[in-house]
Amino acid sequence: MKKFENAVIDALNRGVMVDLYTSAKRDQPVYRYMKNQSLMKNLINNGCKVYEIHEKLLHMKAYEIDNKHYSIGSFNNDRWSWKINNEANINIYNDIVETSRIKPLIDEVHSMSKEI
């Protein structure tokens, strides 16, 4: 998480807009009772917007960067995903066609989420 956090903070310091979408509920026992506000405190304090869905579990993780770059998939920013699990994300970099396909999904997740 620290490597990811540092990379996001570096981007924020360069003026990049970063939004993260996650779930308020977790299926991983180690994080089950941890709140996103605590987990993402440093990111939030550095200008990252973090949104969470309360109504259901959201296993997908989505990152939106400057409204034109996206990373969407199952990759958790924890040591298991970095070193042990087989995770997958789809990354879209400023591709108008692919952005038009993924933007409705991001908009739907955003409409179900609340900023923390």
PDB file of N, CA and C in Angstrom:
ATOM      1  N   MET A   1       0.819  -1.194   0.000  1.00  0.00           N
ATOM      2  CA  MET A   1       0.000   0.000   0.000  1.00  0.00           C
ATOM      3  C   MET A   1       0.864   1.259   0.000  1.00  0.00           C
ATOM      4  N   LYS A   2       2.013   1.215   0.666  1.00  0.00           N
ATOM      5  CA  LYS A   2       2.862   2.404   0.766  1.00  0.00           C
ATOM      6  C   LYS A   2       3.408   2.822  -0.604  1.00  0.00           C
ATOM      7  N   LYS A   3       3.843   1.848  -1.429  1.00  0.00           N
ATOM      8  CA  LYS A   3       4.334   2.187  -2.769  1.00  0.00           C
ATOM      9  C   LYS A   3       3.237   2.845  -3.597  1.00  0.00           C
ATOM     10  N   PHE A   4       2.058   2.266  -3.529  1.00  0.00           N
ATOM     11  CA  PHE A   4       0.919   2.816  -4.259  1.00  0.00           C
ATOM     12  C   PHE A   4       0.585   4.216  -3.752  1.00  0.00           C
ATOM     13  N   GLU A   5       0.531   4.345  -2.449  1.00  0.00           N
ATOM     14  CA  GLU A   5       0.217   5.640  -1.839  1.00  0.00           C
ATOM     15  C   GLU A   5       1.222   6.703  -2.271  1.00  0.00           C
ATOM     16  N   ASN A   6       2.502   6.372  -2.251  1.00  0.00           N
ATOM     17  CA  ASN A   6       3.534   7.323  -2.655  1.00  0.00           C
ATOM     18  C   ASN A   6       3.406   7.710  -4.126  1.00  0.00           C
ATOM     19  N   ALA A   7       3.085   6.744  -4.980  1.00  0.00           N
ATOM     20  CA  ALA A   7       2.922   7.029  -6.406  1.00  0.00           C
ATOM     21  C   ALA A   7       1.731   7.960  -6.631  1.00  0.00           C
ATOM     22  N   VAL A   8       0.637   7.724  -5.930  1.00  0.00           N
ATOM     23  CA  VAL A   8      -0.547   8.582  -6.074  1.00  0.00           C
ATOM     24  C   VAL A   8      -0.245   9.983  -5.549  1.00  0.00           C
ATOM     25  N   ILE A   9       0.407  10.078  -4.421  1.00  0.00           N
ATOM     26  CA  ILE A   9       0.741  11.391  -3.853  1.00  0.00           C
ATOM     27  C   ILE A   9       1.684  12.146  -4.778  1.00  0.00           C
ATOM     28  N   ASP A  10       2.653  11.454  -5.377  1.00  0.00           N
ATOM     29  CA  ASP A  10       3.536  12.104  -6.358  1.00  0.00           C
ATOM     30  C   ASP A  10       2.722  12.665  -7.517  1.00  0.00           C
ATOM     31  N   ALA A  11       1.753  11.876  -8.006  1.00  0.00           N
ATOM     32  CA  ALA A  11       0.900  12.339  -9.107  1.00  0.00           C
ATOM     33  C   ALA A  11       0.063  13.540  -8.671  1.00  0.00           C
ATOM     34  N   LEU A  12      -0.519  13.467  -7.495  1.00  0.00           N
ATOM     35  CA  LEU A  12      -1.321  14.583  -6.986  1.00  0.00           C
ATOM     36  C   LEU A  12      -0.473  15.852  -6.872  1.00  0.00           C
ATOM     37  N   ASN A  13       0.761  15.711  -6.424  1.00  0.00           N
ATOM     38  CA  ASN A  13       1.662  16.860  -6.298  1.00  0.00           C
ATOM     39  C   ASN A  13       2.025  17.463  -7.652  1.00  0.00           C
ATOM     40  N   ARG A  14       1.911  16.665  -8.724  1.00  0.00           N
ATOM     41  CA  ARG A  14       2.153  17.160 -10.081  1.00  0.00           C
ATOM     42  C   ARG A  14       0.889  17.763 -10.691  1.00  0.00           C
ATOM     43  N   GLY A  15      -0.206  17.773  -9.915  1.00  0.00           N
ATOM     44  CA  GLY A  15      -1.447  18.349 -10.402  1.00  0.00           C
ATOM     45  C   GLY A  15      -2.386  17.364 -11.072  1.00  0.00           C
ATOM     46  N   VAL A  16      -2.079  16.073 -10.994  1.00  0.00           N
ATOM     47  CA  VAL A  16      -2.945  15.053 -11.578  1.00  0.00           C
ATOM     48  C   VAL A  16      -4.154  14.860 -10.671  1.00  0.00           C
ATOM     49  N   MET A  17      -5.340  14.781 -11.268  1.00  0.00           N
ATOM     50  CA  MET A  17      -6.556  14.514 -10.507  1.00  0.00           C
ATOM     51  C   MET A  17      -6.735  12.998 -10.423  1.00  0.00           C
ATOM     52  N   VAL A  18      -6.819  12.464  -9.211  1.00  0.00           N
ATOM     53  CA  VAL A  18      -6.978  11.021  -9.023  1.00  0.00           C
ATOM     54  C   VAL A  18      -8.208  10.765  -8.153  1.00  0.00           C
ATOM     55  N   ASP A  19      -9.117   9.929  -8.660  1.00  0.00           N
ATOM     56  CA  ASP A  19     -10.286   9.482  -7.906  1.00  0.00           C
ATOM     57  C   ASP A  19     -10.167   7.979  -7.714  1.00  0.00           C
ATOM     58  N   LEU A  20     -10.446   7.494  -6.506  1.00  0.00           N
ATOM     59  CA  LEU A  20     -10.465   6.066  -6.223  1.00  0.00           C
ATOM     60  C   LEU A  20     -11.865   5.660  -5.821  1.00  0.00           C
ATOM     61  N   TYR A  21     -12.284   4.502  -6.271  1.00  0.00           N
ATOM     62  CA  TYR A  21     -13.596   3.964  -5.931  1.00  0.00           C
ATOM     63  C   TYR A  21     -13.398   2.625  -5.236  1.00  0.00           C
ATOM     64  N   THR A  22     -14.079   2.456  -4.116  1.00  0.00           N
ATOM     65  CA  THR A  22     -13.944   1.226  -3.350  1.00  0.00           C
ATOM     66  C   THR A  22     -15.250   0.961  -2.595  1.00  0.00           C
ATOM     67  N   SER A  23     -15.265  -0.100  -1.870  1.00  0.00           N
ATOM     68  CA  SER A  23     -16.451  -0.470  -1.099  1.00  0.00           C
ATOM     69  C   SER A  23     -16.238  -0.144   0.369  1.00  0.00           C
ATOM     70  N   ALA A  24     -17.314   0.219   1.040  1.00  0.00           N
ATOM     71  CA  ALA A  24     -17.237   0.422   2.484  1.00  0.00           C
ATOM     72  C   ALA A  24     -17.134  -0.910   3.206  1.00  0.00           C
ATOM     73  N   LYS A  25     -17.664  -1.966   2.570  1.00  0.00           N
ATOM     74  CA  LYS A  25     -17.621  -3.307   3.149  1.00  0.00           C
ATOM     75  C   LYS A  25     -16.488  -4.101   2.507  1.00  0.00           C
ATOM     76  N   ARG A  26     -15.881  -4.975   3.289  1.00  0.00           N
ATOM     77  CA  ARG A  26     -14.769  -5.782   2.793  1.00  0.00           C
ATOM     78  C   ARG A  26     -15.000  -7.256   3.063  1.00  0.00           C
ATOM     79  N   ASP A  27     -14.453  -8.077   2.178  1.00  0.00           N
ATOM     80  CA  ASP A  27     -14.539  -9.517   2.384  1.00  0.00           C
ATOM     81  C   ASP A  27     -13.238 -10.093   2.935  1.00  0.00           C
ATOM     82  N   GLN A  28     -12.202  -9.276   3.067  1.00  0.00           N
ATOM     83  CA  GLN A  28     -10.940  -9.746   3.626  1.00  0.00           C
ATOM     84  C   GLN A  28     -10.961  -9.559   5.141  1.00  0.00           C
ATOM     85  N   PRO A  29     -10.802 -10.649   5.886  1.00  0.00           N
ATOM     86  CA  PRO A  29     -10.887 -10.554   7.347  1.00  0.00           C
ATOM     87  C   PRO A  29      -9.932  -9.530   7.964  1.00  0.00           C
ATOM     88  N   VAL A  30      -8.725  -9.407   7.424  1.00  0.00           N
ATOM     89  CA  VAL A  30      -7.742  -8.511   8.026  1.00  0.00           C
ATOM     90  C   VAL A  30      -8.180  -7.042   7.934  1.00  0.00           C
ATOM     91  N   TYR A  31      -8.975  -6.694   6.909  1.00  0.00           N
ATOM     92  CA  TYR A  31      -9.416  -5.314   6.720  1.00  0.00           C
ATOM     93  C   TYR A  31     -10.889  -5.105   7.053  1.00  0.00           C
ATOM     94  N   ARG A  32     -11.576  -6.142   7.445  1.00  0.00           N
ATOM     95  CA  ARG A  32     -13.035  -6.094   7.599  1.00  0.00           C
ATOM     96  C   ARG A  32     -13.519  -4.902   8.429  1.00  0.00           C
ATOM     97  N   TYR A  33     -12.840  -4.596   9.510  1.00  0.00           N
ATOM     98  CA  TYR A  33     -13.326  -3.538  10.412  1.00  0.00           C
ATOM     99  C   TYR A  33     -12.586  -2.211  10.231  1.00  0.00           C
ATOM    100  N   MET A  34     -11.714  -2.151   9.246  1.00  0.00           N
ATOM    101  CA  MET A  34     -10.997  -0.903   8.989  1.00  0.00           C
ATOM    102  C   MET A  34     -11.835  -0.018   8.077  1.00  0.00           C
ATOM    103  N   LYS A  35     -11.849   1.237   8.349  1.00  0.00           N
ATOM    104  CA  LYS A  35     -12.611   2.208   7.565  1.00  0.00           C
ATOM    105  C   LYS A  35     -11.719   2.804   6.477  1.00  0.00           C
ATOM    106  N   ASN A  36     -12.324   3.067   5.315  1.00  0.00           N
ATOM    107  CA  ASN A  36     -11.572   3.682   4.224  1.00  0.00           C
ATOM    108  C   ASN A  36     -10.988   5.028   4.635  1.00  0.00           C
ATOM    109  N   GLN A  37     -11.711   5.750   5.454  1.00  0.00           N
ATOM    110  CA  GLN A  37     -11.220   7.055   5.892  1.00  0.00           C
ATOM    111  C   GLN A  37      -9.877   6.914   6.611  1.00  0.00           C
ATOM    112  N   SER A  38      -9.689   5.823   7.362  1.00  0.00           N
ATOM    113  CA  SER A  38      -8.409   5.576   8.030  1.00  0.00           C
ATOM    114  C   SER A  38      -7.378   5.035   7.056  1.00  0.00           C
ATOM    115  N   LEU A  39      -7.796   4.064   6.228  1.00  0.00           N
ATOM    116  CA  LEU A  39      -6.872   3.450   5.274  1.00  0.00           C
ATOM    117  C   LEU A  39      -6.351   4.451   4.248  1.00  0.00           C
ATOM    118  N   MET A  40      -7.194   5.383   3.854  1.00  0.00           N
ATOM    119  CA  MET A  40      -6.851   6.327   2.780  1.00  0.00           C
ATOM    120  C   MET A  40      -6.568   7.735   3.294  1.00  0.00           C
ATOM    121  N   LYS A  41      -6.369   7.875   4.594  1.00  0.00           N
ATOM    122  CA  LYS A  41      -6.205   9.189   5.227  1.00  0.00           C
ATOM    123  C   LYS A  41      -5.127  10.033   4.551  1.00  0.00           C
ATOM    124  N   ASN A  42      -3.970   9.457   4.327  1.00  0.00           N
ATOM    125  CA  ASN A  42      -2.863  10.204   3.740  1.00  0.00           C
ATOM    126  C   ASN A  42      -3.190  10.636   2.312  1.00  0.00           C
ATOM    127  N   LEU A  43      -3.832   9.763   1.550  1.00  0.00           N
ATOM    128  CA  LEU A  43      -4.224  10.116   0.188  1.00  0.00           C
ATOM    129  C   LEU A  43      -5.253  11.250   0.201  1.00  0.00           C
ATOM    130  N   ILE A  44      -6.257  11.110   1.043  1.00  0.00           N
ATOM    131  CA  ILE A  44      -7.303  12.134   1.145  1.00  0.00           C
ATOM    132  C   ILE A  44      -6.692  13.475   1.554  1.00  0.00           C
ATOM    133  N   ASN A  45      -5.788  13.452   2.530  1.00  0.00           N
ATOM    134  CA  ASN A  45      -5.146  14.683   2.999  1.00  0.00           C
ATOM    135  C   ASN A  45      -4.286  15.340   1.926  1.00  0.00           C
ATOM    136  N   ASN A  46      -3.887  14.550   0.916  1.00  0.00           N
ATOM    137  CA  ASN A  46      -3.072  15.086  -0.178  1.00  0.00           C
ATOM    138  C   ASN A  46      -3.890  15.411  -1.425  1.00  0.00           C
ATOM    139  N   GLY A  47      -5.222  15.353  -1.307  1.00  0.00           N
ATOM    140  CA  GLY A  47      -6.073  15.789  -2.405  1.00  0.00           C
ATOM    141  C   GLY A  47      -6.701  14.707  -3.254  1.00  0.00           C
ATOM    142  N   CYS A  48      -6.480  13.455  -2.921  1.00  0.00           N
ATOM    143  CA  CYS A  48      -7.114  12.365  -3.656  1.00  0.00           C
ATOM    144  C   CYS A  48      -8.574  12.265  -3.230  1.00  0.00           C
ATOM    145  N   LYS A  49      -9.465  12.115  -4.191  1.00  0.00           N
ATOM    146  CA  LYS A  49     -10.875  11.919  -3.868  1.00  0.00           C
ATOM    147  C   LYS A  49     -11.133  10.418  -3.799  1.00  0.00           C
ATOM    148  N   VAL A  50     -11.659   9.980  -2.662  1.00  0.00           N
ATOM    149  CA  VAL A  50     -11.961   8.564  -2.458  1.00  0.00           C
ATOM    150  C   VAL A  50     -13.466   8.432  -2.289  1.00  0.00           C
ATOM    151  N   TYR A  51     -14.049   7.542  -3.076  1.00  0.00           N
ATOM    152  CA  TYR A  51     -15.484   7.299  -3.050  1.00  0.00           C
ATOM    153  C   TYR A  51     -15.724   5.859  -2.620  1.00  0.00           C
ATOM    154  N   GLU A  52     -16.775   5.653  -1.844  1.00  0.00           N
ATOM    155  CA  GLU A  52     -17.093   4.286  -1.432  1.00  0.00           C
ATOM    156  C   GLU A  52     -18.570   3.989  -1.622  1.00  0.00           C
ATOM    157  N   ILE A  53     -18.832   2.733  -1.970  1.00  0.00           N
ATOM    158  CA  ILE A  53     -20.196   2.238  -2.112  1.00  0.00           C
ATOM    159  C   ILE A  53     -20.582   1.586  -0.803  1.00  0.00           C
ATOM    160  N   HIS A  54     -21.770   1.898  -0.309  1.00  0.00           N
ATOM    161  CA  HIS A  54     -22.234   1.347   0.959  1.00  0.00           C
ATOM    162  C   HIS A  54     -23.229   0.212   0.793  1.00  0.00           C
ATOM    163  N   GLU A  55     -23.983   0.225  -0.291  1.00  0.00           N
ATOM    164  CA  GLU A  55     -25.084  -0.722  -0.437  1.00  0.00           C
ATOM    165  C   GLU A  55     -24.650  -2.156  -0.690  1.00  0.00           C
ATOM    166  N   LYS A  56     -23.504  -2.343  -1.321  1.00  0.00           N
ATOM    167  CA  LYS A  56     -23.073  -3.695  -1.655  1.00  0.00           C
ATOM    168  C   LYS A  56     -21.560  -3.788  -1.671  1.00  0.00           C
ATOM    169  N   LEU A  57     -21.097  -5.012  -1.724  1.00  0.00           N
ATOM    170  CA  LEU A  57     -19.662  -5.266  -1.801  1.00  0.00           C
ATOM    171  C   LEU A  57     -19.194  -4.974  -3.214  1.00  0.00           C
ATOM    172  N   LEU A  58     -18.132  -4.256  -3.357  1.00  0.00           N
ATOM    173  CA  LEU A  58     -17.571  -3.925  -4.660  1.00  0.00           C
ATOM    174  C   LEU A  58     -16.194  -4.563  -4.737  1.00  0.00           C
ATOM    175  N   HIS A  59     -16.107  -5.674  -5.431  1.00  0.00           N
ATOM    176  CA  HIS A  59     -14.798  -6.326  -5.522  1.00  0.00           C
ATOM    177  C   HIS A  59     -13.915  -5.623  -6.552  1.00  0.00           C
ATOM    178  N   MET A  60     -14.535  -5.085  -7.579  1.00  0.00           N
ATOM    179  CA  MET A  60     -13.783  -4.359  -8.596  1.00  0.00           C
ATOM    180  C   MET A  60     -13.162  -3.106  -7.981  1.00  0.00           C
ATOM    181  N   LYS A  61     -11.950  -2.828  -8.373  1.00  0.00           N
ATOM    182  CA  LYS A  61     -11.304  -1.576  -7.970  1.00  0.00           C
ATOM    183  C   LYS A  61     -11.191  -0.724  -9.218  1.00  0.00           C
ATOM    184  N   ALA A  62     -11.496   0.549  -9.122  1.00  0.00           N
ATOM    185  CA  ALA A  62     -11.432   1.435 -10.280  1.00  0.00           C
ATOM    186  C   ALA A  62     -10.658   2.689  -9.916  1.00  0.00           C
ATOM    187  N   TYR A  63      -9.789   3.079 -10.809  1.00  0.00           N
ATOM    188  CA  TYR A  63      -9.004   4.292 -10.650  1.00  0.00           C
ATOM    189  C   TYR A  63      -9.269   5.151 -11.875  1.00  0.00           C
ATOM    190  N   GLU A  64      -9.624   6.402 -11.650  1.00  0.00           N
ATOM    191  CA  GLU A  64      -9.878   7.333 -12.740  1.00  0.00           C
ATOM    192  C   GLU A  64      -8.865   8.466 -12.610  1.00  0.00           C
ATOM    193  N   ILE A  65      -8.133   8.718 -13.679  1.00  0.00           N
ATOM    194  CA  ILE A  65      -7.075   9.723 -13.638  1.00  0.00           C
ATOM    195  C   ILE A  65      -7.331  10.750 -14.735  1.00  0.00           C
ATOM    196  N   ASP A  66      -7.539  11.985 -14.311  1.00  0.00           N
ATOM    197  CA  ASP A  66      -7.777  13.101 -15.230  1.00  0.00           C
ATOM    198  C   ASP A  66      -8.909  12.846 -16.218  1.00  0.00           C
ATOM    199  N   ASN A  67      -9.889  12.061 -15.839  1.00  0.00           N
ATOM    200  CA  ASN A  67     -11.048  11.755 -16.688  1.00  0.00           C
ATOM    201  C   ASN A  67     -10.682  11.153 -18.041  1.00  0.00           C
ATOM    202  N   LYS A  68      -9.486  10.581 -18.168  1.00  0.00           N
ATOM    203  CA  LYS A  68      -9.114   9.989 -19.451  1.00  0.00           C
ATOM    204  C   LYS A  68      -8.261   8.728 -19.338  1.00  0.00           C
ATOM    205  N   HIS A  69      -7.761   8.438 -18.163  1.00  0.00           N
ATOM    206  CA  HIS A  69      -6.985   7.209 -17.947  1.00  0.00           C
ATOM    207  C   HIS A  69      -7.708   6.395 -16.879  1.00  0.00           C
ATOM    208  N   TYR A  70      -7.818   5.086 -17.103  1.00  0.00           N
ATOM    209  CA  TYR A  70      -8.556   4.236 -16.174  1.00  0.00           C
ATOM    210  C   TYR A  70      -7.798   2.939 -15.925  1.00  0.00           C
ATOM    211  N   SER A  71      -7.936   2.446 -14.718  1.00  0.00           N
ATOM    212  CA  SER A  71      -7.476   1.103 -14.373  1.00  0.00           C
ATOM    213  C   SER A  71      -8.620   0.453 -13.609  1.00  0.00           C
ATOM    214  N   ILE A  72      -9.102  -0.666 -14.144  1.00  0.00           N
ATOM    215  CA  ILE A  72     -10.259  -1.328 -13.551  1.00  0.00           C
ATOM    216  C   ILE A  72      -9.980  -2.817 -13.467  1.00  0.00           C
ATOM    217  N   GLY A  73     -10.236  -3.393 -12.288  1.00  0.00           N
ATOM    218  CA  GLY A  73     -10.032  -4.830 -12.147  1.00  0.00           C
ATOM    219  C   GLY A  73     -10.135  -5.283 -10.712  1.00  0.00           C
ATOM    220  N   SER A  74      -9.450  -6.367 -10.426  1.00  0.00           N
ATOM    221  CA  SER A  74      -9.547  -6.996  -9.115  1.00  0.00           C
ATOM    222  C   SER A  74      -8.345  -6.703  -8.221  1.00  0.00           C
ATOM    223  N   PHE A  75      -7.372  -5.978  -8.721  1.00  0.00           N
ATOM    224  CA  PHE A  75      -6.123  -5.769  -7.996  1.00  0.00           C
ATOM    225  C   PHE A  75      -6.326  -4.945  -6.729  1.00  0.00           C
ATOM    226  N   ASN A  76      -6.017  -5.548  -5.593  1.00  0.00           N
ATOM    227  CA  ASN A  76      -6.032  -4.848  -4.307  1.00  0.00           C
ATOM    228  C   ASN A  76      -4.648  -4.267  -4.063  1.00  0.00           C
ATOM    229  N   ASN A  77      -4.606  -3.137  -3.428  1.00  0.00           N
ATOM    230  CA  ASN A  77      -3.302  -2.552  -3.106  1.00  0.00           C
ATOM    231  C   ASN A  77      -2.852  -3.033  -1.739  1.00  0.00           C
ATOM    232  N   ASP A  78      -2.540  -4.309  -1.691  1.00  0.00           N
ATOM    233  CA  ASP A  78      -2.023  -4.906  -0.465  1.00  0.00           C
ATOM    234  C   ASP A  78      -0.914  -5.894  -0.831  1.00  0.00           C
ATOM    235  N   ARG A  79      -0.228  -6.377   0.157  1.00  0.00           N
ATOM    236  CA  ARG A  79       0.929  -7.237  -0.100  1.00  0.00           C
ATOM    237  C   ARG A  79       0.553  -8.542  -0.775  1.00  0.00           C
ATOM    238  N   TRP A  80      -0.660  -9.016  -0.536  1.00  0.00           N
ATOM    239  CA  TRP A  80      -1.065 -10.283  -1.156  1.00  0.00           C
ATOM    240  C   TRP A  80      -1.213 -10.099  -2.666  1.00  0.00           C
ATOM    241  N   SER A  81      -1.835  -9.017  -3.075  1.00  0.00           N
ATOM    242  CA  SER A  81      -2.022  -8.785  -4.510  1.00  0.00           C
ATOM    243  C   SER A  81      -0.703  -8.483  -5.211  1.00  0.00           C
ATOM    244  N   TRP A  82       0.167  -7.770  -4.545  1.00  0.00           N
ATOM    245  CA  TRP A  82       1.455  -7.437  -5.155  1.00  0.00           C
ATOM    246  C   TRP A  82       2.359  -8.660  -5.276  1.00  0.00           C
ATOM    247  N   LYS A  83       2.301  -9.581  -4.298  1.00  0.00           N
ATOM    248  CA  LYS A  83       3.302 -10.660  -4.256  1.00  0.00           C
ATOM    249  C   LYS A  83       2.757 -12.073  -4.385  1.00  0.00           C
ATOM    250  N   ILE A  84       1.491 -12.307  -4.042  1.00  0.00           N
ATOM    251  CA  ILE A  84       1.007 -13.688  -3.961  1.00  0.00           C
ATOM    252  C   ILE A  84      -0.141 -13.971  -4.934  1.00  0.00           C
ATOM    253  N   ASN A  85      -1.171 -13.134  -4.923  1.00  0.00           N
ATOM    254  CA  ASN A  85      -2.378 -13.393  -5.711  1.00  0.00           C
ATOM    255  C   ASN A  85      -2.150 -13.197  -7.203  1.00  0.00           C
ATOM    256  N   ASN A  86      -2.984 -13.840  -7.987  1.00  0.00           N
ATOM    257  CA  ASN A  86      -3.052 -13.571  -9.418  1.00  0.00           C
ATOM    258  C   ASN A  86      -4.195 -12.592  -9.630  1.00  0.00           C
ATOM    259  N   GLU A  87      -3.864 -11.338  -9.839  1.00  0.00           N
ATOM    260  CA  GLU A  87      -4.852 -10.282 -10.010  1.00  0.00           C
ATOM    261  C   GLU A  87      -4.783  -9.763 -11.439  1.00  0.00           C
ATOM    262  N   ALA A  88      -5.826  -9.096 -11.860  1.00  0.00           N
ATOM    263  CA  ALA A  88      -5.836  -8.542 -13.211  1.00  0.00           C
ATOM    264  C   ALA A  88      -6.568  -7.211 -13.234  1.00  0.00           C
ATOM    265  N   ASN A  89      -6.024  -6.270 -13.959  1.00  0.00           N
ATOM    266  CA  ASN A  89      -6.669  -4.988 -14.210  1.00  0.00           C
ATOM    267  C   ASN A  89      -6.583  -4.696 -15.704  1.00  0.00           C
ATOM    268  N   ILE A  90      -7.535  -3.941 -16.181  1.00  0.00           N
ATOM    269  CA  ILE A  90      -7.498  -3.427 -17.541  1.00  0.00           C
ATOM    270  C   ILE A  90      -7.136  -1.955 -17.417  1.00  0.00           C
ATOM    271  N   ASN A  91      -6.139  -1.535 -18.167  1.00  0.00           N
ATOM    272  CA  ASN A  91      -5.704  -0.145 -18.136  1.00  0.00           C
ATOM    273  C   ASN A  91      -6.015   0.513 -19.473  1.00  0.00           C
ATOM    274  N   ILE A  92      -6.601   1.683 -19.396  1.00  0.00           N
ATOM    275  CA  ILE A  92      -6.955   2.451 -20.583  1.00  0.00           C
ATOM    276  C   ILE A  92      -6.244   3.793 -20.477  1.00  0.00           C
ATOM    277  N   TYR A  93      -5.470   4.127 -21.506  1.00  0.00           N
ATOM    278  CA  TYR A  93      -4.716   5.368 -21.504  1.00  0.00           C
ATOM    279  C   TYR A  93      -5.168   6.267 -22.645  1.00  0.00           C
ATOM    280  N   ASN A  94      -6.004   7.221 -22.331  1.00  0.00           N
ATOM    281  CA  ASN A  94      -6.383   8.276 -23.273  1.00  0.00           C
ATOM    282  C   ASN A  94      -6.843   7.723 -24.623  1.00  0.00           C
ATOM    283  N   ASP A  95      -7.635   6.678 -24.596  1.00  0.00           N
ATOM    284  CA  ASP A  95      -8.184   6.071 -25.802  1.00  0.00           C
ATOM    285  C   ASP A  95      -9.666   6.426 -25.872  1.00  0.00           C
ATOM    286  N   ILE A  96     -10.048   7.227 -26.844  1.00  0.00           N
ATOM    287  CA  ILE A  96     -11.413   7.752 -26.919  1.00  0.00           C
ATOM    288  C   ILE A  96     -12.439   6.629 -27.021  1.00  0.00           C
ATOM    289  N   VAL A  97     -12.188   5.631 -27.841  1.00  0.00           N
ATOM    290  CA  VAL A  97     -13.143   4.534 -28.016  1.00  0.00           C
ATOM    291  C   VAL A  97     -13.289   3.733 -26.730  1.00  0.00           C
ATOM    292  N   GLU A  98     -12.180   3.318 -26.149  1.00  0.00           N
ATOM    293  CA  GLU A  98     -12.245   2.518 -24.923  1.00  0.00           C
ATOM    294  C   GLU A  98     -12.773   3.328 -23.740  1.00  0.00           C
ATOM    295  N   THR A  99     -12.423   4.606 -23.683  1.00  0.00           N
ATOM    296  CA  THR A  99     -12.952   5.464 -22.622  1.00  0.00           C
ATOM    297  C   THR A  99     -14.470   5.564 -22.735  1.00  0.00           C
ATOM    298  N   SER A 100     -14.991   5.667 -23.939  1.00  0.00           N
ATOM    299  CA  SER A 100     -16.449   5.759 -24.115  1.00  0.00           C
ATOM    300  C   SER A 100     -17.131   4.464 -23.682  1.00  0.00           C
ATOM    301  N   ARG A 101     -16.422   3.360 -23.726  1.00  0.00           N
ATOM    302  CA  ARG A 101     -16.990   2.085 -23.283  1.00  0.00           C
ATOM    303  C   ARG A 101     -16.971   1.947 -21.762  1.00  0.00           C
ATOM    304  N   ILE A 102     -15.931   2.442 -21.138  1.00  0.00           N
ATOM    305  CA  ILE A 102     -15.771   2.245 -19.696  1.00  0.00           C
ATOM    306  C   ILE A 102     -16.398   3.380 -18.886  1.00  0.00           C
ATOM    307  N   LYS A 103     -16.522   4.558 -19.465  1.00  0.00           N
ATOM    308  CA  LYS A 103     -17.043   5.722 -18.735  1.00  0.00           C
ATOM    309  C   LYS A 103     -18.436   5.479 -18.158  1.00  0.00           C
ATOM    310  N   PRO A 104     -19.369   4.834 -18.877  1.00  0.00           N
ATOM    311  CA  PRO A 104     -20.681   4.568 -18.270  1.00  0.00           C
ATOM    312  C   PRO A 104     -20.597   3.707 -17.001  1.00  0.00           C
ATOM    313  N   LEU A 105     -19.682   2.752 -16.968  1.00  0.00           N
ATOM    314  CA  LEU A 105     -19.493   1.938 -15.760  1.00  0.00           C
ATOM    315  C   LEU A 105     -18.980   2.802 -14.619  1.00  0.00           C
ATOM    316  N   ILE A 106     -17.994   3.624 -14.890  1.00  0.00           N
ATOM    317  CA  ILE A 106     -17.455   4.523 -13.863  1.00  0.00           C
ATOM    318  C   ILE A 106     -18.551   5.466 -13.377  1.00  0.00           C
ATOM    319  N   ASP A 107     -19.339   6.008 -14.304  1.00  0.00           N
ATOM    320  CA  ASP A 107     -20.423   6.915 -13.920  1.00  0.00           C
ATOM    321  C   ASP A 107     -21.450   6.209 -13.034  1.00  0.00           C
ATOM    322  N   GLU A 108     -21.749   4.941 -13.341  1.00  0.00           N
ATOM    323  CA  GLU A 108     -22.700   4.180 -12.523  1.00  0.00           C
ATOM    324  C   GLU A 108     -22.142   3.943 -11.119  1.00  0.00           C
ATOM    325  N   VAL A 109     -20.887   3.532 -11.044  1.00  0.00           N
ATOM    326  CA  VAL A 109     -20.251   3.329  -9.737  1.00  0.00           C
ATOM    327  C   VAL A 109     -20.219   4.649  -8.974  1.00  0.00           C
ATOM    328  N   HIS A 110     -19.897   5.721  -9.665  1.00  0.00           N
ATOM    329  CA  HIS A 110     -19.843   7.040  -9.018  1.00  0.00           C
ATOM    330  C   HIS A 110     -21.219   7.434  -8.460  1.00  0.00           C
ATOM    331  N   SER A 111     -22.281   7.170  -9.239  1.00  0.00           N
ATOM    332  CA  SER A 111     -23.622   7.546  -8.779  1.00  0.00           C
ATOM    333  C   SER A 111     -24.072   6.772  -7.542  1.00  0.00           C
ATOM    334  N   MET A 112     -23.493   5.584  -7.322  1.00  0.00           N
ATOM    335  CA  MET A 112     -23.835   4.775  -6.148  1.00  0.00           C
ATOM    336  C   MET A 112     -22.907   5.056  -4.967  1.00  0.00           C
ATOM    337  N   SER A 113     -21.913   5.910  -5.179  1.00  0.00           N
ATOM    338  CA  SER A 113     -20.870   6.129  -4.177  1.00  0.00           C
ATOM    339  C   SER A 113     -21.026   7.474  -3.477  1.00  0.00           C
ATOM    340  N   LYS A 114     -20.383   7.537  -2.330  1.00  0.00           N
ATOM    341  CA  LYS A 114     -20.308   8.785  -1.571  1.00  0.00           C
ATOM    342  C   LYS A 114     -18.842   9.094  -1.312  1.00  0.00           C
ATOM    343  N   GLU A 115     -18.486  10.358  -1.464  1.00  0.00           N
ATOM    344  CA  GLU A 115     -17.110  10.760  -1.200  1.00  0.00           C
ATOM    345  C   GLU A 115     -16.837  10.743   0.301  1.00  0.00           C
ATOM    346  N   ILE A 116     -15.653  10.271   0.660  1.00  0.00           N
ATOM    347  CA  ILE A 116     -15.273  10.303   2.083  1.00  0.00           C
ATOM    348  C   ILE A 116     -14.158  11.309   2.282  1.00  0.00           C
TER     349      ILE A 116
END
